[in-house]
Amino acid sequence: MSTLSWIILSGVAMSLVALSGALILVFQEKILKRILLPLVAFSAGAMLGSAFFHNLPEAIEELGNGLSPFIWLVVGFSTFFLLEQFIHWHHCHRVPSEHSGGHTHKHPSPLTYLVLLGDALHNLIDGVLVAAAFIIEIRLGLVTLLAVAAHEIPQEIGDFGILIHGGWKRAKALLLNVVSGLTFLVGGLITYAFAQNVNIILVLPFAAGSFLYIAAADLIPEIKHEEDTGKKAIYFAAFILGLLLLLGVKLGFE
């Protein structure tokens, strides 16, 4: 397949990932909460694995072992920190405890519009990062897509729960989640169109920085305060699994 075909296919796949919010409709809240945090832990491991085992080494190989890759890593980290500060965009909302019950606002809460805006922007940037990785190398694109999809599933479940709790009907909330997911494809196509005019390699350390921020600031804080020893062990095992999976992919393609 051509690079453009991979980018389009990944965009369609990520739009389908937005349907993962429908898991709220399938599972009881108790079961959902049981699987959500191990997913978050796995996502954190996968994102760190992508950053340290794929994006950053590839960037150093292309740009040299100077300051440049690390400056762009810090730029990526700082950009996502800035976005979260001003858009109040949080990647992994806990599922509201009342999503399946009766209380919703008569009119959609203003927070829900902010969640949708943040999600659309987040997907747009993810589309840029994944498309840039595909342009550099198909394997790198697939790894980046895996890391992005891993954290997207718990995020979409959380966002869907917030929309329901904020006053949206379930069908409309699901549709809006899918529509916001389409910005991923938009970001990918924009990147492909302008790839000849920019140094696309710089996206690699930028992506590594963004993955570090998401894992450290958004995902790990969701699981690190758990007091139950058994759950702690499960979360850590899921985290290590995410790391090992990305390390295995790296070693398998060396």
C-alpha atoms as a PDB file:
ATOM      1  CA  MET A   1       0.000   0.000   0.000  1.00  0.00           C
ATOM      2  CA  SER A   2       1.067   3.583  -0.576  1.00  0.00           C
ATOM      3  CA  THR A   3       1.875   5.941   2.288  1.00  0.00           C
ATOM      4  CA  LEU A   4      -1.295   7.923   1.590  1.00  0.00           C
ATOM      5  CA  SER A   5      -3.345   4.722   1.793  1.00  0.00           C
ATOM      6  CA  TRP A   6      -1.840   3.930   5.207  1.00  0.00           C
ATOM      7  CA  ILE A   7      -2.659   7.446   6.419  1.00  0.00           C
ATOM      8  CA  ILE A   8      -6.265   7.219   5.216  1.00  0.00           C
ATOM      9  CA  LEU A   9      -6.677   3.726   6.663  1.00  0.00           C
ATOM     10  CA  SER A  10      -5.305   4.862  10.024  1.00  0.00           C
ATOM     11  CA  GLY A  11      -7.722   7.812   9.995  1.00  0.00           C
ATOM     12  CA  VAL A  12     -10.681   5.490   9.402  1.00  0.00           C
ATOM     13  CA  ALA A  13      -9.421   3.139  12.118  1.00  0.00           C
ATOM     14  CA  MET A  14      -9.146   5.970  14.645  1.00  0.00           C
ATOM     15  CA  SER A  15     -12.676   7.130  13.822  1.00  0.00           C
ATOM     16  CA  LEU A  16     -13.835   3.596  14.634  1.00  0.00           C
ATOM     17  CA  VAL A  17     -11.871   3.717  17.891  1.00  0.00           C
ATOM     18  CA  ALA A  18     -14.125   6.630  18.854  1.00  0.00           C
ATOM     19  CA  LEU A  19     -16.941   4.067  18.958  1.00  0.00           C
ATOM     20  CA  SER A  20     -15.211   2.509  21.968  1.00  0.00           C
ATOM     21  CA  GLY A  21     -17.318   4.902  24.042  1.00  0.00           C
ATOM     22  CA  ALA A  22     -20.182   2.543  23.269  1.00  0.00           C
ATOM     23  CA  LEU A  23     -18.606   0.102  25.727  1.00  0.00           C
ATOM     24  CA  ILE A  24     -20.463   2.118  28.358  1.00  0.00           C
ATOM     25  CA  LEU A  25     -23.690   0.872  26.800  1.00  0.00           C
ATOM     26  CA  VAL A  26     -22.490  -2.740  26.723  1.00  0.00           C
ATOM     27  CA  PHE A  27     -20.819  -3.197  30.094  1.00  0.00           C
ATOM     28  CA  GLN A  28     -22.191  -2.503  33.527  1.00  0.00           C
ATOM     29  CA  GLU A  29     -20.418   0.348  35.263  1.00  0.00           C
ATOM     30  CA  LYS A  30     -18.758  -2.007  37.749  1.00  0.00           C
ATOM     31  CA  ILE A  31     -17.216  -4.113  34.949  1.00  0.00           C
ATOM     32  CA  LEU A  32     -16.236  -1.019  32.989  1.00  0.00           C
ATOM     33  CA  LYS A  33     -14.333   0.460  35.918  1.00  0.00           C
ATOM     34  CA  ARG A  34     -12.561  -2.867  36.391  1.00  0.00           C
ATOM     35  CA  ILE A  35     -11.156  -2.857  32.851  1.00  0.00           C
ATOM     36  CA  LEU A  36     -10.686   0.887  32.390  1.00  0.00           C
ATOM     37  CA  LEU A  37      -7.733   1.495  34.712  1.00  0.00           C
ATOM     38  CA  PRO A  38      -5.706  -1.519  33.500  1.00  0.00           C
ATOM     39  CA  LEU A  39      -6.265  -0.071  30.001  1.00  0.00           C
ATOM     40  CA  VAL A  40      -4.958   3.270  31.247  1.00  0.00           C
ATOM     41  CA  ALA A  41      -1.855   1.576  32.698  1.00  0.00           C
ATOM     42  CA  PHE A  42      -1.250  -0.319  29.453  1.00  0.00           C
ATOM     43  CA  SER A  43      -1.649   2.940  27.518  1.00  0.00           C
ATOM     44  CA  ALA A  44       0.960   4.671  29.683  1.00  0.00           C
ATOM     45  CA  GLY A  45       3.435   1.863  29.044  1.00  0.00           C
ATOM     46  CA  ALA A  46       2.730   1.839  25.311  1.00  0.00           C
ATOM     47  CA  MET A  47       3.208   5.602  25.002  1.00  0.00           C
ATOM     48  CA  LEU A  48       6.479   5.569  26.940  1.00  0.00           C
ATOM     49  CA  GLY A  49       7.612   2.568  24.896  1.00  0.00           C
ATOM     50  CA  SER A  50       6.844   4.393  21.674  1.00  0.00           C
ATOM     51  CA  ALA A  51       8.685   7.514  22.869  1.00  0.00           C
ATOM     52  CA  PHE A  52      11.846   5.796  24.184  1.00  0.00           C
ATOM     53  CA  PHE A  53      12.154   2.762  21.913  1.00  0.00           C
ATOM     54  CA  HIS A  54      10.987   4.198  18.577  1.00  0.00           C
ATOM     55  CA  ASN A  55      10.455   7.935  18.149  1.00  0.00           C
ATOM     56  CA  LEU A  56      13.442   9.276  20.081  1.00  0.00           C
ATOM     57  CA  PRO A  57      16.054   6.753  18.809  1.00  0.00           C
ATOM     58  CA  GLU A  58      14.856   7.306  15.227  1.00  0.00           C
ATOM     59  CA  ALA A  59      15.086  11.084  15.701  1.00  0.00           C
ATOM     60  CA  ILE A  60      18.624  10.837  17.120  1.00  0.00           C
ATOM     61  CA  GLU A  61      19.664   8.621  14.220  1.00  0.00           C
ATOM     62  CA  GLU A  62      18.345  11.142  11.681  1.00  0.00           C
ATOM     63  CA  LEU A  63      19.218  14.406  13.431  1.00  0.00           C
ATOM     64  CA  GLY A  64      22.389  13.350  15.240  1.00  0.00           C
ATOM     65  CA  ASN A  65      23.159  13.020  18.933  1.00  0.00           C
ATOM     66  CA  GLY A  66      23.153  16.758  19.543  1.00  0.00           C
ATOM     67  CA  LEU A  67      20.715  19.050  21.255  1.00  0.00           C
ATOM     68  CA  SER A  68      18.197  19.216  18.402  1.00  0.00           C
ATOM     69  CA  PRO A  69      16.180  16.025  19.136  1.00  0.00           C
ATOM     70  CA  PHE A  70      15.986  16.884  22.830  1.00  0.00           C
ATOM     71  CA  ILE A  71      14.950  20.482  22.189  1.00  0.00           C
ATOM     72  CA  TRP A  72      12.072  19.236  20.032  1.00  0.00           C
ATOM     73  CA  LEU A  73      11.181  16.674  22.686  1.00  0.00           C
ATOM     74  CA  VAL A  74      10.869  19.488  25.228  1.00  0.00           C
ATOM     75  CA  VAL A  75       8.862  21.542  22.705  1.00  0.00           C
ATOM     76  CA  GLY A  76       6.428  18.641  22.313  1.00  0.00           C
ATOM     77  CA  PHE A  77       6.149  18.145  26.070  1.00  0.00           C
ATOM     78  CA  SER A  78       5.659  21.885  26.676  1.00  0.00           C
ATOM     79  CA  THR A  79       3.109  22.258  23.863  1.00  0.00           C
ATOM     80  CA  PHE A  80       0.847  19.606  25.352  1.00  0.00           C
ATOM     81  CA  PHE A  81       1.271  21.124  28.804  1.00  0.00           C
ATOM     82  CA  LEU A  82       0.225  24.510  27.376  1.00  0.00           C
ATOM     83  CA  LEU A  83      -2.788  23.011  25.597  1.00  0.00           C
ATOM     84  CA  GLU A  84      -3.965  21.309  28.752  1.00  0.00           C
ATOM     85  CA  GLN A  85      -3.543  24.493  30.784  1.00  0.00           C
ATOM     86  CA  PHE A  86      -5.617  26.637  28.441  1.00  0.00           C
ATOM     87  CA  ILE A  87      -8.151  24.165  27.085  1.00  0.00           C
ATOM     88  CA  HIS A  88      -8.490  22.138  30.295  1.00  0.00           C
ATOM     89  CA  TRP A  89      -8.111  19.055  28.124  1.00  0.00           C
ATOM     90  CA  HIS A  90      -7.633  15.932  30.200  1.00  0.00           C
ATOM     91  CA  HIS A  91      -6.951  12.723  28.342  1.00  0.00           C
ATOM     92  CA  CYS A  92      -8.321  10.173  30.700  1.00  0.00           C
ATOM     93  CA  HIS A  93     -11.444  11.259  32.531  1.00  0.00           C
ATOM     94  CA  ARG A  94     -12.869   8.769  34.944  1.00  0.00           C
ATOM     95  CA  VAL A  95     -16.269   7.557  33.844  1.00  0.00           C
ATOM     96  CA  PRO A  96     -18.875   9.586  35.795  1.00  0.00           C
ATOM     97  CA  SER A  97     -20.668   7.441  38.310  1.00  0.00           C
ATOM     98  CA  GLU A  98     -24.067   8.623  37.117  1.00  0.00           C
ATOM     99  CA  HIS A  99     -23.660   7.969  33.395  1.00  0.00           C
ATOM    100  CA  SER A 100     -26.051   5.036  33.423  1.00  0.00           C
ATOM    101  CA  GLY A 101     -28.531   6.570  35.758  1.00  0.00           C
ATOM    102  CA  GLY A 102     -31.167   9.199  35.740  1.00  0.00           C
ATOM    103  CA  HIS A 103     -29.461  12.502  36.461  1.00  0.00           C
ATOM    104  CA  THR A 104     -28.431  14.546  33.441  1.00  0.00           C
ATOM    105  CA  HIS A 105     -28.642  18.249  32.811  1.00  0.00           C
ATOM    106  CA  LYS A 106     -31.712  19.466  30.941  1.00  0.00           C
ATOM    107  CA  HIS A 107     -29.428  21.233  28.494  1.00  0.00           C
ATOM    108  CA  PRO A 108     -25.905  20.054  27.673  1.00  0.00           C
ATOM    109  CA  SER A 109     -23.353  21.356  30.138  1.00  0.00           C
ATOM    110  CA  PRO A 110     -20.788  23.872  28.802  1.00  0.00           C
ATOM    111  CA  LEU A 111     -18.110  21.386  29.910  1.00  0.00           C
ATOM    112  CA  THR A 112     -19.283  18.949  27.249  1.00  0.00           C
ATOM    113  CA  TYR A 113     -18.532  21.443  24.463  1.00  0.00           C
ATOM    114  CA  LEU A 114     -15.062  21.956  25.931  1.00  0.00           C
ATOM    115  CA  VAL A 115     -14.522  18.189  25.998  1.00  0.00           C
ATOM    116  CA  LEU A 116     -15.545  17.917  22.335  1.00  0.00           C
ATOM    117  CA  LEU A 117     -13.311  20.835  21.328  1.00  0.00           C
ATOM    118  CA  GLY A 118     -10.352  19.402  23.213  1.00  0.00           C
ATOM    119  CA  ASP A 119     -10.949  15.944  21.766  1.00  0.00           C
ATOM    120  CA  ALA A 120     -11.143  17.283  18.200  1.00  0.00           C
ATOM    121  CA  LEU A 121      -7.892  19.251  18.628  1.00  0.00           C
ATOM    122  CA  HIS A 122      -6.214  16.298  20.278  1.00  0.00           C
ATOM    123  CA  ASN A 123      -7.232  14.014  17.380  1.00  0.00           C
ATOM    124  CA  LEU A 124      -6.008  16.566  14.837  1.00  0.00           C
ATOM    125  CA  ILE A 125      -2.551  16.640  16.437  1.00  0.00           C
ATOM    126  CA  ASP A 126      -2.492  12.844  16.744  1.00  0.00           C
ATOM    127  CA  GLY A 127      -3.284  12.656  13.016  1.00  0.00           C
ATOM    128  CA  VAL A 128      -0.293  14.882  12.273  1.00  0.00           C
ATOM    129  CA  LEU A 129       2.017  12.760  14.431  1.00  0.00           C
ATOM    130  CA  VAL A 130       0.890   9.420  12.980  1.00  0.00           C
ATOM    131  CA  ALA A 131       0.942  10.644   9.362  1.00  0.00           C
ATOM    132  CA  ALA A 132       4.442  12.049   9.810  1.00  0.00           C
ATOM    133  CA  ALA A 133       5.588   8.704  11.204  1.00  0.00           C
ATOM    134  CA  PHE A 134       4.076   6.856   8.216  1.00  0.00           C
ATOM    135  CA  ILE A 135       5.821   9.238   5.808  1.00  0.00           C
ATOM    136  CA  ILE A 136       9.180   8.476   7.447  1.00  0.00           C
ATOM    137  CA  GLU A 137       8.653   4.703   7.658  1.00  0.00           C
ATOM    138  CA  ILE A 138       5.598   2.416   7.568  1.00  0.00           C
ATOM    139  CA  ARG A 139       6.749   0.431  10.619  1.00  0.00           C
ATOM    140  CA  LEU A 140       7.209   3.619  12.616  1.00  0.00           C
ATOM    141  CA  GLY A 141       3.746   4.751  11.550  1.00  0.00           C
ATOM    142  CA  LEU A 142       2.172   1.515  12.760  1.00  0.00           C
ATOM    143  CA  VAL A 143       3.970   1.746  16.114  1.00  0.00           C
ATOM    144  CA  THR A 144       2.883   5.368  16.585  1.00  0.00           C
ATOM    145  CA  LEU A 145      -0.675   4.458  15.625  1.00  0.00           C
ATOM    146  CA  LEU A 146      -0.665   1.650  18.197  1.00  0.00           C
ATOM    147  CA  ALA A 147       0.537   3.989  20.949  1.00  0.00           C
ATOM    148  CA  VAL A 148      -2.066   6.616  20.057  1.00  0.00           C
ATOM    149  CA  ALA A 149      -4.905   4.072  19.803  1.00  0.00           C
ATOM    150  CA  ALA A 150      -3.951   2.527  23.146  1.00  0.00           C
ATOM    151  CA  HIS A 151      -4.577   5.753  25.049  1.00  0.00           C
ATOM    152  CA  GLU A 152      -7.487   6.774  22.822  1.00  0.00           C
ATOM    153  CA  ILE A 153      -9.748   3.919  23.958  1.00  0.00           C
ATOM    154  CA  PRO A 154      -9.919   4.800  27.689  1.00  0.00           C
ATOM    155  CA  GLN A 155     -10.111   8.484  26.753  1.00  0.00           C
ATOM    156  CA  GLU A 156     -13.078   7.955  24.438  1.00  0.00           C
ATOM    157  CA  ILE A 157     -14.870   5.871  27.077  1.00  0.00           C
ATOM    158  CA  GLY A 158     -14.337   8.656  29.600  1.00  0.00           C
ATOM    159  CA  ASP A 159     -15.384  11.417  27.196  1.00  0.00           C
ATOM    160  CA  PHE A 160     -18.527   9.517  26.232  1.00  0.00           C
ATOM    161  CA  GLY A 161     -19.432   9.141  29.900  1.00  0.00           C
ATOM    162  CA  ILE A 162     -18.943  12.880  30.464  1.00  0.00           C
ATOM    163  CA  LEU A 163     -21.168  13.761  27.483  1.00  0.00           C
ATOM    164  CA  ILE A 164     -23.926  11.491  28.804  1.00  0.00           C
ATOM    165  CA  HIS A 165     -23.618  12.917  32.294  1.00  0.00           C
ATOM    166  CA  GLY A 166     -23.528  16.427  30.828  1.00  0.00           C
ATOM    167  CA  GLY A 167     -26.925  16.127  29.161  1.00  0.00           C
ATOM    168  CA  TRP A 168     -26.425  14.569  25.721  1.00  0.00           C
ATOM    169  CA  LYS A 169     -28.546  11.666  24.512  1.00  0.00           C
ATOM    170  CA  ARG A 170     -26.506   8.507  24.017  1.00  0.00           C
ATOM    171  CA  ALA A 171     -26.887   8.271  20.238  1.00  0.00           C
ATOM    172  CA  LYS A 172     -25.904  11.919  19.761  1.00  0.00           C
ATOM    173  CA  ALA A 173     -22.974  11.631  22.178  1.00  0.00           C
ATOM    174  CA  LEU A 174     -21.657   8.647  20.252  1.00  0.00           C
ATOM    175  CA  LEU A 175     -22.080  10.463  16.914  1.00  0.00           C
ATOM    176  CA  LEU A 176     -20.262  13.544  18.218  1.00  0.00           C
ATOM    177  CA  ASN A 177     -17.396  11.363  19.476  1.00  0.00           C
ATOM    178  CA  VAL A 178     -17.046   9.835  16.008  1.00  0.00           C
ATOM    179  CA  VAL A 179     -17.216  13.247  14.292  1.00  0.00           C
ATOM    180  CA  SER A 180     -14.500  14.640  16.580  1.00  0.00           C
ATOM    181  CA  GLY A 181     -12.435  11.573  15.681  1.00  0.00           C
ATOM    182  CA  LEU A 182     -12.518  12.566  11.999  1.00  0.00           C
ATOM    183  CA  THR A 183     -10.135  15.441  12.720  1.00  0.00           C
ATOM    184  CA  PHE A 184      -7.456  12.732  13.017  1.00  0.00           C
ATOM    185  CA  LEU A 185      -7.788  12.073   9.280  1.00  0.00           C
ATOM    186  CA  VAL A 186      -7.806  15.826   8.581  1.00  0.00           C
ATOM    187  CA  GLY A 187      -4.502  16.206  10.436  1.00  0.00           C
ATOM    188  CA  GLY A 188      -3.046  13.261   8.532  1.00  0.00           C
ATOM    189  CA  LEU A 189      -4.030  14.610   5.120  1.00  0.00           C
ATOM    190  CA  ILE A 190      -2.710  18.093   5.933  1.00  0.00           C
ATOM    191  CA  THR A 191       0.614  16.562   6.983  1.00  0.00           C
ATOM    192  CA  TYR A 192       0.818  14.504   3.795  1.00  0.00           C
ATOM    193  CA  ALA A 193       0.046  17.562   1.650  1.00  0.00           C
ATOM    194  CA  PHE A 194       2.797  19.690   3.230  1.00  0.00           C
ATOM    195  CA  ALA A 195       5.370  16.947   3.892  1.00  0.00           C
ATOM    196  CA  GLN A 196       7.625  18.149   1.067  1.00  0.00           C
ATOM    197  CA  ASN A 197       7.834  21.657   2.520  1.00  0.00           C
ATOM    198  CA  VAL A 198       8.851  20.873   6.111  1.00  0.00           C
ATOM    199  CA  ASN A 199      11.433  18.712   7.854  1.00  0.00           C
ATOM    200  CA  ILE A 200       9.072  15.921   8.845  1.00  0.00           C
ATOM    201  CA  ILE A 201      11.763  14.255  11.002  1.00  0.00           C
ATOM    202  CA  LEU A 202      11.257  16.969  13.627  1.00  0.00           C
ATOM    203  CA  VAL A 203       7.820  15.510  14.341  1.00  0.00           C
ATOM    204  CA  LEU A 204       9.451  12.399  15.860  1.00  0.00           C
ATOM    205  CA  PRO A 205      11.018  14.034  18.949  1.00  0.00           C
ATOM    206  CA  PHE A 206       7.958  16.318  19.197  1.00  0.00           C
ATOM    207  CA  ALA A 207       5.748  13.202  19.308  1.00  0.00           C
ATOM    208  CA  ALA A 208       8.042  11.626  21.902  1.00  0.00           C
ATOM    209  CA  GLY A 209       7.637  14.711  24.085  1.00  0.00           C
ATOM    210  CA  SER A 210       3.858  14.670  23.708  1.00  0.00           C
ATOM    211  CA  PHE A 211       3.729  10.953  24.587  1.00  0.00           C
ATOM    212  CA  LEU A 212       5.876  11.584  27.666  1.00  0.00           C
ATOM    213  CA  TYR A 213       3.544  14.349  28.804  1.00  0.00           C
ATOM    214  CA  ILE A 214       0.366  12.313  28.276  1.00  0.00           C
ATOM    215  CA  ALA A 215       1.784   9.287  30.089  1.00  0.00           C
ATOM    216  CA  ALA A 216       3.320  11.216  32.989  1.00  0.00           C
ATOM    217  CA  ALA A 217       0.730  13.963  33.519  1.00  0.00           C
ATOM    218  CA  ASP A 218      -2.527  12.312  32.501  1.00  0.00           C
ATOM    219  CA  LEU A 219      -2.352   8.530  32.538  1.00  0.00           C
ATOM    220  CA  ILE A 220      -0.056   7.524  35.415  1.00  0.00           C
ATOM    221  CA  PRO A 221      -1.768   9.894  37.922  1.00  0.00           C
ATOM    222  CA  GLU A 222      -5.008   7.991  37.257  1.00  0.00           C
ATOM    223  CA  ILE A 223      -3.543   4.779  38.665  1.00  0.00           C
ATOM    224  CA  LYS A 224      -0.770   5.715  41.083  1.00  0.00           C
ATOM    225  CA  HIS A 225      -3.019   6.443  44.096  1.00  0.00           C
ATOM    226  CA  GLU A 226      -4.588   2.984  44.190  1.00  0.00           C
ATOM    227  CA  GLU A 227      -4.320   1.494  47.708  1.00  0.00           C
ATOM    228  CA  ASP A 228      -5.350  -2.094  46.987  1.00  0.00           C
ATOM    229  CA  THR A 229      -2.188  -4.204  46.590  1.00  0.00           C
ATOM    230  CA  GLY A 230      -3.785  -6.614  44.132  1.00  0.00           C
ATOM    231  CA  LYS A 231      -4.967  -3.804  41.868  1.00  0.00           C
ATOM    232  CA  LYS A 232      -1.566  -2.132  42.097  1.00  0.00           C
ATOM    233  CA  ALA A 233       0.022  -5.339  40.825  1.00  0.00           C
ATOM    234  CA  ILE A 234      -2.466  -5.567  37.944  1.00  0.00           C
ATOM    235  CA  TYR A 235      -1.878  -1.952  36.922  1.00  0.00           C
ATOM    236  CA  PHE A 236       1.901  -2.351  37.059  1.00  0.00           C
ATOM    237  CA  ALA A 237       1.721  -5.573  35.043  1.00  0.00           C
ATOM    238  CA  ALA A 238      -0.414  -3.822  32.413  1.00  0.00           C
ATOM    239  CA  PHE A 239       2.065  -0.923  32.344  1.00  0.00           C
ATOM    240  CA  ILE A 240       5.023  -3.294  31.838  1.00  0.00           C
ATOM    241  CA  LEU A 241       3.068  -5.172  29.164  1.00  0.00           C
ATOM    242  CA  GLY A 242       2.652  -1.926  27.219  1.00  0.00           C
ATOM    243  CA  LEU A 243       6.389  -1.239  27.465  1.00  0.00           C
ATOM    244  CA  LEU A 244       7.388  -4.794  26.519  1.00  0.00           C
ATOM    245  CA  LEU A 245       5.038  -4.858  23.548  1.00  0.00           C
ATOM    246  CA  LEU A 246       6.658  -1.759  22.045  1.00  0.00           C
ATOM    247  CA  LEU A 247      10.146  -3.027  22.910  1.00  0.00           C
ATOM    248  CA  GLY A 248       9.311  -6.355  21.231  1.00  0.00           C
ATOM    249  CA  VAL A 249       8.197  -4.572  18.075  1.00  0.00           C
ATOM    250  CA  LYS A 250      11.469  -2.614  18.043  1.00  0.00           C
ATOM    251  CA  LEU A 251      13.649  -5.687  18.527  1.00  0.00           C
ATOM    252  CA  GLY A 252      11.595  -7.736  16.076  1.00  0.00           C
ATOM    253  CA  PHE A 253      12.213  -5.246  13.257  1.00  0.00           C
ATOM    254  CA  GLU A 254      15.893  -4.580  13.921  1.00  0.00           C
END
